Amino acid sequence: MAALAYAAPHFWWGAGIGATFPGDFADAPHGTWEAAIGYWAMGGLAVLGAVLALALVRPWGNRLPRRVLAVPALVASVGMTLWGFTYFAMQYLLTADRVVSAPAFAAKDAHPQAAWGLFWYALFVVWGITLGAAALDRLRGARTRCACAGRATRAEVALGS
C-alpha cells in the first residue's frame, strides 16, 4: 500500500497537478527528462515495488525461488528505511541549528509545502520496514502453505511442518 501511496502523486505531478508536492511546484521541472524520470519513472518503479511486495506474500509469488524475491526486497528495504530516517535526522539538525541549508535549498526548505516532506519520508520508513518484514518472512520460509487455501494454518505453523 505504501508503494501505491508513493506512486499516485508522482503520476499526478507528472500530469501537472501540484497537490501535495513538497515544495514550490512552480519551480519544479516540467517537460524535461528530469521531470519524466522524477515523476513517471519513479511512479512506475513504485508500482513495480508494489508487485514485488505482493509477490512476497501472495501464493502466486511462490512460483519464484525465495531468494529471487526476498534478497532484492531486503536491499530495497534497507535503502528506503535509511532514506526516510536520514531525512528526519536532517530535519532535526536543521531545527537544532546544527546545520544550515545551502543557499540553493533555503527557499525550498522554508516553503510551506515543504511540510509534505514529513509525510513522504515517513512513508519511506513505513514502506521499508514492512517490506523488510515481508522479505525476512519469505527468506525464513516460516509459513508453510496450505494447498487448499494458499495460507498457513496455525497448526502447521505450530508444528513447523
N, C-alpha and C. Protein backbone atom coordinates (compact mmCIF):
# COMPACT_ATOMS: atom_id res chain seq x y z
N MET A 1 0.81 -1.19 0.00
CA MET A 1 0.00 0.00 0.00
C MET A 1 0.86 1.26 0.00
N ALA A 2 1.97 1.23 0.75
CA ALA A 2 2.85 2.40 0.79
C ALA A 2 3.43 2.68 -0.59
N ALA A 3 3.70 1.62 -1.36
CA ALA A 3 4.25 1.80 -2.70
C ALA A 3 3.27 2.54 -3.60
N LEU A 4 2.00 2.17 -3.52
CA LEU A 4 0.99 2.84 -4.35
C LEU A 4 0.71 4.25 -3.85
N ALA A 5 0.81 4.46 -2.53
CA ALA A 5 0.65 5.81 -1.98
C ALA A 5 1.80 6.71 -2.45
N TYR A 6 2.94 6.13 -2.72
CA TYR A 6 4.08 6.89 -3.25
C TYR A 6 3.90 7.11 -4.75
N ALA A 7 3.40 6.11 -5.46
CA ALA A 7 3.30 6.19 -6.92
C ALA A 7 2.25 7.20 -7.38
N ALA A 8 1.08 7.19 -6.76
CA ALA A 8 -0.04 8.02 -7.22
C ALA A 8 0.30 9.49 -7.38
N PRO A 9 0.88 10.15 -6.37
CA PRO A 9 1.16 11.57 -6.57
C PRO A 9 2.24 11.82 -7.63
N HIS A 10 3.16 10.88 -7.81
CA HIS A 10 4.17 11.08 -8.86
C HIS A 10 3.50 11.13 -10.23
N PHE A 11 2.47 10.31 -10.41
CA PHE A 11 1.75 10.34 -11.68
C PHE A 11 0.97 11.64 -11.84
N TRP A 12 0.32 12.13 -10.76
CA TRP A 12 -0.42 13.38 -10.94
C TRP A 12 0.52 14.57 -11.02
N TRP A 13 1.69 14.51 -10.39
CA TRP A 13 2.67 15.58 -10.58
C TRP A 13 3.15 15.58 -12.02
N GLY A 14 3.36 14.41 -12.58
CA GLY A 14 3.77 14.31 -13.98
C GLY A 14 2.71 14.87 -14.92
N ALA A 15 1.45 14.79 -14.50
CA ALA A 15 0.35 15.33 -15.29
C ALA A 15 0.15 16.83 -15.05
N GLY A 16 0.97 17.42 -14.18
CA GLY A 16 0.92 18.86 -13.95
C GLY A 16 0.08 19.30 -12.78
N ILE A 17 -0.35 18.37 -11.93
CA ILE A 17 -1.16 18.71 -10.75
C ILE A 17 -0.23 18.79 -9.55
N GLY A 18 -0.13 19.94 -8.91
CA GLY A 18 0.85 20.16 -7.86
C GLY A 18 0.42 19.79 -6.45
N ALA A 19 -0.75 19.18 -6.28
CA ALA A 19 -1.25 18.84 -4.94
C ALA A 19 -0.27 17.94 -4.20
N THR A 20 -0.01 18.25 -2.96
CA THR A 20 0.88 17.52 -2.03
C THR A 20 2.34 17.53 -2.44
N PHE A 21 2.73 18.40 -3.36
CA PHE A 21 4.13 18.47 -3.75
C PHE A 21 4.94 19.10 -2.62
N PRO A 22 6.06 18.47 -2.22
CA PRO A 22 6.83 19.00 -1.08
C PRO A 22 7.75 20.15 -1.49
N GLY A 23 7.19 21.29 -1.73
CA GLY A 23 7.96 22.45 -2.14
C GLY A 23 7.13 23.28 -3.11
N ASP A 24 7.77 24.18 -3.81
CA ASP A 24 7.08 25.03 -4.76
C ASP A 24 7.00 24.31 -6.10
N PHE A 25 5.80 23.87 -6.48
CA PHE A 25 5.61 23.10 -7.70
C PHE A 25 5.94 23.92 -8.93
N ALA A 26 5.78 25.23 -8.85
CA ALA A 26 6.09 26.09 -9.99
C ALA A 26 7.59 26.06 -10.32
N ASP A 27 8.43 25.85 -9.31
CA ASP A 27 9.87 25.79 -9.53
C ASP A 27 10.36 24.40 -9.91
N ALA A 28 9.49 23.39 -9.83
CA ALA A 28 9.87 22.02 -10.15
C ALA A 28 10.01 21.86 -11.67
N PRO A 29 10.82 20.91 -12.10
CA PRO A 29 10.98 20.72 -13.54
C PRO A 29 9.70 20.18 -14.19
N HIS A 30 9.41 20.67 -15.38
CA HIS A 30 8.26 20.22 -16.16
C HIS A 30 8.69 20.10 -17.61
N GLY A 31 8.27 19.03 -18.28
CA GLY A 31 8.56 18.86 -19.70
C GLY A 31 10.01 18.56 -20.01
N THR A 32 10.75 18.03 -19.05
CA THR A 32 12.16 17.70 -19.28
C THR A 32 12.39 16.23 -18.95
N TRP A 33 13.58 15.74 -19.26
CA TRP A 33 13.94 14.37 -18.88
C TRP A 33 13.95 14.22 -17.36
N GLU A 34 14.38 15.27 -16.71
CA GLU A 34 14.39 15.26 -15.25
C GLU A 34 12.98 15.04 -14.70
N ALA A 35 12.00 15.69 -15.28
CA ALA A 35 10.61 15.52 -14.84
C ALA A 35 10.11 14.13 -15.20
N ALA A 36 10.45 13.65 -16.39
CA ALA A 36 10.00 12.30 -16.80
C ALA A 36 10.53 11.25 -15.85
N ILE A 37 11.78 11.37 -15.48
CA ILE A 37 12.37 10.40 -14.56
C ILE A 37 11.81 10.60 -13.15
N GLY A 38 11.76 11.84 -12.71
CA GLY A 38 11.32 12.13 -11.36
C GLY A 38 9.86 11.81 -11.09
N TYR A 39 9.01 11.95 -12.08
CA TYR A 39 7.60 11.71 -11.87
C TYR A 39 7.18 10.34 -12.42
N TRP A 40 7.32 10.15 -13.72
CA TRP A 40 6.79 8.94 -14.36
C TRP A 40 7.63 7.70 -14.04
N ALA A 41 8.94 7.80 -14.14
CA ALA A 41 9.78 6.62 -13.87
C ALA A 41 9.72 6.23 -12.39
N MET A 42 9.76 7.20 -11.50
CA MET A 42 9.69 6.86 -10.07
C MET A 42 8.31 6.31 -9.70
N GLY A 43 7.26 6.83 -10.30
CA GLY A 43 5.93 6.27 -10.07
C GLY A 43 5.83 4.85 -10.58
N GLY A 44 6.36 4.60 -11.77
CA GLY A 44 6.36 3.25 -12.33
C GLY A 44 7.19 2.29 -11.50
N LEU A 45 8.33 2.75 -11.03
CA LEU A 45 9.18 1.92 -10.18
C LEU A 45 8.45 1.57 -8.87
N ALA A 46 7.70 2.50 -8.33
CA ALA A 46 6.93 2.23 -7.11
C ALA A 46 5.84 1.19 -7.37
N VAL A 47 5.20 1.24 -8.54
CA VAL A 47 4.19 0.23 -8.88
C VAL A 47 4.86 -1.14 -8.98
N LEU A 48 6.04 -1.21 -9.59
CA LEU A 48 6.78 -2.48 -9.63
C LEU A 48 7.13 -2.95 -8.22
N GLY A 49 7.46 -2.00 -7.34
CA GLY A 49 7.73 -2.34 -5.95
C GLY A 49 6.51 -2.91 -5.26
N ALA A 50 5.34 -2.41 -5.60
CA ALA A 50 4.10 -2.95 -5.03
C ALA A 50 3.87 -4.38 -5.49
N VAL A 51 4.16 -4.64 -6.76
CA VAL A 51 4.02 -6.01 -7.29
C VAL A 51 5.02 -6.94 -6.60
N LEU A 52 6.25 -6.47 -6.40
CA LEU A 52 7.26 -7.26 -5.70
C LEU A 52 6.80 -7.58 -4.28
N ALA A 53 6.27 -6.58 -3.59
CA ALA A 53 5.81 -6.79 -2.22
C ALA A 53 4.66 -7.80 -2.18
N LEU A 54 3.75 -7.70 -3.13
CA LEU A 54 2.65 -8.67 -3.18
C LEU A 54 3.17 -10.08 -3.48
N ALA A 55 4.17 -10.19 -4.33
CA ALA A 55 4.73 -11.50 -4.66
C ALA A 55 5.34 -12.17 -3.43
N LEU A 56 5.79 -11.37 -2.48
CA LEU A 56 6.36 -11.94 -1.25
C LEU A 56 5.31 -12.61 -0.38
N VAL A 57 4.08 -12.14 -0.45
CA VAL A 57 3.05 -12.61 0.49
C VAL A 57 1.88 -13.33 -0.16
N ARG A 58 1.78 -13.33 -1.46
CA ARG A 58 0.66 -14.00 -2.14
C ARG A 58 1.11 -15.35 -2.69
N PRO A 59 0.19 -16.28 -2.82
CA PRO A 59 0.54 -17.62 -3.31
C PRO A 59 1.19 -17.63 -4.69
N TRP A 60 0.80 -16.73 -5.59
CA TRP A 60 1.39 -16.73 -6.92
C TRP A 60 2.87 -16.36 -6.89
N GLY A 61 3.33 -15.74 -5.81
CA GLY A 61 4.75 -15.42 -5.68
C GLY A 61 5.60 -16.63 -5.36
N ASN A 62 4.97 -17.73 -4.96
CA ASN A 62 5.71 -18.96 -4.64
C ASN A 62 6.29 -19.63 -5.88
N ARG A 63 5.94 -19.17 -7.06
CA ARG A 63 6.48 -19.75 -8.28
C ARG A 63 7.95 -19.42 -8.47
N LEU A 64 8.40 -18.37 -7.82
CA LEU A 64 9.82 -17.99 -7.89
C LEU A 64 10.54 -18.45 -6.64
N PRO A 65 11.82 -18.74 -6.77
CA PRO A 65 12.59 -19.12 -5.58
C PRO A 65 12.57 -18.00 -4.54
N ARG A 66 12.62 -18.39 -3.27
CA ARG A 66 12.55 -17.41 -2.18
C ARG A 66 13.55 -16.29 -2.33
N ARG A 67 14.79 -16.61 -2.61
CA ARG A 67 15.85 -15.59 -2.64
C ARG A 67 15.72 -14.64 -3.81
N VAL A 68 15.13 -15.08 -4.91
CA VAL A 68 14.97 -14.21 -6.08
C VAL A 68 14.11 -13.00 -5.74
N LEU A 69 13.12 -13.18 -4.88
CA LEU A 69 12.27 -12.07 -4.46
C LEU A 69 12.76 -11.40 -3.19
N ALA A 70 13.20 -12.21 -2.23
CA ALA A 70 13.49 -11.68 -0.90
C ALA A 70 14.76 -10.85 -0.84
N VAL A 71 15.80 -11.25 -1.54
CA VAL A 71 17.06 -10.50 -1.45
C VAL A 71 16.93 -9.09 -2.04
N PRO A 72 16.38 -8.92 -3.26
CA PRO A 72 16.19 -7.54 -3.73
C PRO A 72 15.25 -6.73 -2.83
N ALA A 73 14.24 -7.41 -2.26
CA ALA A 73 13.32 -6.70 -1.37
C ALA A 73 14.04 -6.25 -0.10
N LEU A 74 14.94 -7.08 0.43
CA LEU A 74 15.71 -6.68 1.62
C LEU A 74 16.62 -5.50 1.32
N VAL A 75 17.28 -5.54 0.17
CA VAL A 75 18.16 -4.43 -0.22
C VAL A 75 17.34 -3.14 -0.34
N ALA A 76 16.20 -3.22 -1.02
CA ALA A 76 15.33 -2.05 -1.16
C ALA A 76 14.82 -1.59 0.20
N SER A 77 14.51 -2.54 1.07
CA SER A 77 14.01 -2.21 2.41
C SER A 77 15.03 -1.39 3.19
N VAL A 78 16.27 -1.84 3.18
CA VAL A 78 17.32 -1.12 3.90
C VAL A 78 17.50 0.28 3.31
N GLY A 79 17.53 0.36 1.99
CA GLY A 79 17.70 1.67 1.34
C GLY A 79 16.57 2.64 1.65
N MET A 80 15.33 2.16 1.56
CA MET A 80 14.20 3.05 1.81
C MET A 80 14.12 3.48 3.27
N THR A 81 14.38 2.55 4.17
CA THR A 81 14.34 2.88 5.59
C THR A 81 15.42 3.91 5.94
N LEU A 82 16.62 3.70 5.44
CA LEU A 82 17.70 4.66 5.69
C LEU A 82 17.40 6.01 5.05
N TRP A 83 16.84 6.00 3.86
CA TRP A 83 16.49 7.24 3.16
C TRP A 83 15.49 8.05 4.01
N GLY A 84 14.48 7.38 4.54
CA GLY A 84 13.49 8.07 5.37
C GLY A 84 14.07 8.58 6.67
N PHE A 85 14.82 7.73 7.37
CA PHE A 85 15.42 8.15 8.64
C PHE A 85 16.43 9.27 8.43
N THR A 86 17.16 9.25 7.33
CA THR A 86 18.13 10.30 7.05
C THR A 86 17.44 11.65 6.90
N TYR A 87 16.28 11.67 6.26
CA TYR A 87 15.52 12.91 6.12
C TYR A 87 15.16 13.47 7.50
N PHE A 88 14.68 12.60 8.40
CA PHE A 88 14.29 13.07 9.72
C PHE A 88 15.50 13.51 10.53
N ALA A 89 16.63 12.86 10.36
CA ALA A 89 17.85 13.29 11.03
C ALA A 89 18.26 14.68 10.51
N MET A 90 18.16 14.87 9.19
CA MET A 90 18.49 16.17 8.61
C MET A 90 17.55 17.26 9.14
N GLN A 91 16.26 16.96 9.22
CA GLN A 91 15.29 17.93 9.73
C GLN A 91 15.59 18.28 11.19
N TYR A 92 15.98 17.29 11.97
CA TYR A 92 16.35 17.55 13.35
C TYR A 92 17.56 18.49 13.41
N LEU A 93 18.57 18.19 12.61
CA LEU A 93 19.79 19.02 12.61
C LEU A 93 19.49 20.45 12.14
N LEU A 94 18.59 20.60 11.17
CA LEU A 94 18.21 21.95 10.72
C LEU A 94 17.47 22.69 11.83
N THR A 95 16.55 22.00 12.50
CA THR A 95 15.76 22.62 13.57
C THR A 95 16.64 22.99 14.76
N ALA A 96 17.62 22.16 15.07
CA ALA A 96 18.51 22.41 16.21
C ALA A 96 19.64 23.37 15.85
N ASP A 97 19.61 23.93 14.65
CA ASP A 97 20.65 24.85 14.18
C ASP A 97 22.05 24.23 14.21
N ARG A 98 22.12 22.93 13.98
CA ARG A 98 23.42 22.26 13.90
C ARG A 98 23.97 22.33 12.47
N VAL A 99 23.07 22.47 11.49
CA VAL A 99 23.46 22.65 10.10
C VAL A 99 22.59 23.76 9.51
N VAL A 100 23.01 24.29 8.39
CA VAL A 100 22.27 25.35 7.71
C VAL A 100 22.04 24.89 6.27
N SER A 101 20.84 25.14 5.75
CA SER A 101 20.55 24.78 4.36
C SER A 101 21.47 25.53 3.43
N ALA A 102 21.86 24.85 2.38
CA ALA A 102 22.64 25.52 1.32
C ALA A 102 21.77 26.61 0.72
N PRO A 103 22.37 27.70 0.26
CA PRO A 103 21.57 28.79 -0.30
C PRO A 103 20.62 28.34 -1.41
N ALA A 104 21.03 27.36 -2.19
CA ALA A 104 20.17 26.87 -3.27
C ALA A 104 18.92 26.19 -2.75
N PHE A 105 18.94 25.67 -1.52
CA PHE A 105 17.81 24.94 -0.97
C PHE A 105 17.08 25.69 0.14
N ALA A 106 17.59 26.82 0.58
CA ALA A 106 17.00 27.54 1.70
C ALA A 106 15.56 27.95 1.43
N ALA A 107 15.27 28.49 0.25
CA ALA A 107 13.90 28.91 -0.07
C ALA A 107 12.98 27.70 -0.15
N LYS A 108 13.46 26.61 -0.74
CA LYS A 108 12.65 25.39 -0.86
C LYS A 108 12.35 24.81 0.52
N ASP A 109 13.34 24.81 1.42
CA ASP A 109 13.14 24.28 2.77
C ASP A 109 12.20 25.14 3.60
N ALA A 110 12.11 26.46 3.29
CA ALA A 110 11.25 27.37 4.04
C ALA A 110 9.83 27.43 3.47
N HIS A 111 9.60 26.84 2.30
CA HIS A 111 8.29 26.89 1.66
C HIS A 111 7.26 26.11 2.51
N PRO A 112 6.03 26.62 2.66
CA PRO A 112 5.02 25.92 3.47
C PRO A 112 4.74 24.49 3.00
N GLN A 113 4.83 24.25 1.70
CA GLN A 113 4.59 22.91 1.17
C GLN A 113 5.68 21.92 1.57
N ALA A 114 6.80 22.40 2.08
CA ALA A 114 7.89 21.51 2.48
C ALA A 114 7.46 20.59 3.62
N ALA A 115 6.41 20.95 4.33
CA ALA A 115 5.90 20.09 5.40
C ALA A 115 5.44 18.74 4.87
N TRP A 116 5.06 18.68 3.59
CA TRP A 116 4.68 17.40 2.99
C TRP A 116 5.84 16.42 3.00
N GLY A 117 7.07 16.92 3.06
CA GLY A 117 8.23 16.03 3.14
C GLY A 117 8.16 15.11 4.35
N LEU A 118 7.59 15.60 5.45
CA LEU A 118 7.45 14.76 6.64
C LEU A 118 6.58 13.55 6.34
N PHE A 119 5.51 13.74 5.60
CA PHE A 119 4.64 12.63 5.23
C PHE A 119 5.35 11.68 4.27
N TRP A 120 5.95 12.24 3.22
CA TRP A 120 6.56 11.38 2.19
C TRP A 120 7.72 10.57 2.75
N TYR A 121 8.54 11.17 3.58
CA TYR A 121 9.68 10.42 4.11
C TYR A 121 9.27 9.45 5.22
N ALA A 122 8.18 9.76 5.93
CA ALA A 122 7.63 8.78 6.87
C ALA A 122 7.11 7.57 6.10
N LEU A 123 6.58 7.83 4.92
CA LEU A 123 6.11 6.74 4.06
C LEU A 123 7.28 5.82 3.68
N PHE A 124 8.44 6.39 3.40
CA PHE A 124 9.62 5.57 3.10
C PHE A 124 9.99 4.69 4.28
N VAL A 125 9.92 5.23 5.48
CA VAL A 125 10.25 4.44 6.67
C VAL A 125 9.26 3.28 6.83
N VAL A 126 7.98 3.57 6.74
CA VAL A 126 6.96 2.52 6.87
C VAL A 126 7.11 1.49 5.75
N TRP A 127 7.27 1.96 4.54
CA TRP A 127 7.42 1.08 3.39
C TRP A 127 8.65 0.19 3.56
N GLY A 128 9.76 0.77 3.95
CA GLY A 128 10.99 0.00 4.13
C GLY A 128 10.87 -1.05 5.22
N ILE A 129 10.30 -0.68 6.34
CA ILE A 129 10.18 -1.63 7.46
C ILE A 129 9.23 -2.77 7.10
N THR A 130 8.09 -2.45 6.51
CA THR A 130 7.13 -3.51 6.18
C THR A 130 7.64 -4.40 5.05
N LEU A 131 8.32 -3.83 4.08
CA LEU A 131 8.90 -4.64 3.01
C LEU A 131 9.98 -5.55 3.57
N GLY A 132 10.79 -5.05 4.48
CA GLY A 132 11.82 -5.87 5.10
C GLY A 132 11.23 -7.01 5.91
N ALA A 133 10.14 -6.75 6.63
CA ALA A 133 9.49 -7.81 7.41
C ALA A 133 8.95 -8.90 6.49
N ALA A 134 8.33 -8.50 5.39
CA ALA A 134 7.80 -9.49 4.44
C ALA A 134 8.94 -10.29 3.79
N ALA A 135 10.04 -9.61 3.46
CA ALA A 135 11.17 -10.30 2.84
C ALA A 135 11.82 -11.28 3.82
N LEU A 136 11.97 -10.88 5.07
CA LEU A 136 12.55 -11.79 6.06
C LEU A 136 11.65 -13.00 6.27
N ASP A 137 10.35 -12.77 6.32
CA ASP A 137 9.41 -13.87 6.46
C ASP A 137 9.54 -14.83 5.28
N ARG A 138 9.68 -14.28 4.09
CA ARG A 138 9.83 -15.10 2.89
C ARG A 138 11.15 -15.87 2.91
N LEU A 139 12.23 -15.21 3.32
CA LEU A 139 13.54 -15.88 3.37
C LEU A 139 13.55 -17.01 4.39
N ARG A 140 12.95 -16.78 5.51
CA ARG A 140 12.92 -17.80 6.56
C ARG A 140 12.01 -18.95 6.20
N GLY A 141 11.06 -18.70 5.30
CA GLY A 141 10.12 -19.75 4.94
C GLY A 141 9.31 -20.19 6.14
N ALA A 142 9.01 -19.23 7.03
CA ALA A 142 8.35 -19.55 8.30
C ALA A 142 6.97 -20.15 8.10
N ARG A 143 6.30 -19.80 7.06
CA ARG A 143 4.96 -20.33 6.84
C ARG A 143 4.99 -21.43 5.80
N THR A 144 4.36 -22.49 6.09
CA THR A 144 4.12 -23.50 5.07
C THR A 144 2.77 -23.18 4.47
N ARG A 145 2.59 -23.53 3.26
CA ARG A 145 1.36 -23.16 2.58
C ARG A 145 0.35 -24.30 2.58
N CYS A 146 -0.87 -23.98 2.87
CA CYS A 146 -1.95 -24.94 2.80
C CYS A 146 -2.35 -25.04 1.33
N ALA A 147 -2.36 -26.22 0.78
CA ALA A 147 -2.63 -26.40 -0.64
C ALA A 147 -4.04 -25.92 -1.01
N CYS A 148 -4.97 -26.04 -0.09
CA CYS A 148 -6.35 -25.70 -0.43
C CYS A 148 -6.62 -24.20 -0.39
N ALA A 149 -5.99 -23.47 0.50
CA ALA A 149 -6.31 -22.04 0.66
C ALA A 149 -5.14 -21.13 0.36
N GLY A 150 -3.93 -21.67 0.24
CA GLY A 150 -2.77 -20.82 -0.02
C GLY A 150 -2.28 -20.11 1.21
N ARG A 151 -2.80 -20.47 2.40
CA ARG A 151 -2.37 -19.85 3.63
C ARG A 151 -1.91 -20.91 4.61
N ALA A 152 -1.04 -20.53 5.50
CA ALA A 152 -0.59 -21.46 6.54
C ALA A 152 -1.67 -21.60 7.60
N THR A 153 -1.86 -22.80 8.06
CA THR A 153 -2.79 -22.98 9.17
C THR A 153 -2.00 -22.84 10.47
N ARG A 154 -2.68 -22.48 11.54
CA ARG A 154 -2.00 -22.30 12.81
C ARG A 154 -1.35 -23.59 13.29
N ALA A 155 -2.02 -24.69 13.05
CA ALA A 155 -1.46 -25.99 13.48
C ALA A 155 -0.19 -26.29 12.71
N GLU A 156 -0.16 -25.98 11.41
CA GLU A 156 1.04 -26.24 10.63
C GLU A 156 2.20 -25.38 11.09
N VAL A 157 1.91 -24.13 11.38
CA VAL A 157 2.97 -23.24 11.86
C VAL A 157 3.47 -23.70 13.21
N ALA A 158 2.57 -24.10 14.12
CA ALA A 158 2.96 -24.54 15.45
C ALA A 158 3.77 -25.83 15.38
N LEU A 159 3.41 -26.73 14.47
CA LEU A 159 4.14 -27.98 14.34
C LEU A 159 5.41 -27.85 13.51
N GLY A 160 5.50 -26.73 12.81
CA GLY A 160 6.69 -26.49 11.98
C GLY A 160 6.71 -27.36 10.74
N SER A 161 5.56 -27.83 10.31
CA SER A 161 5.53 -28.68 9.12
C SER A 161 5.20 -27.90 7.89
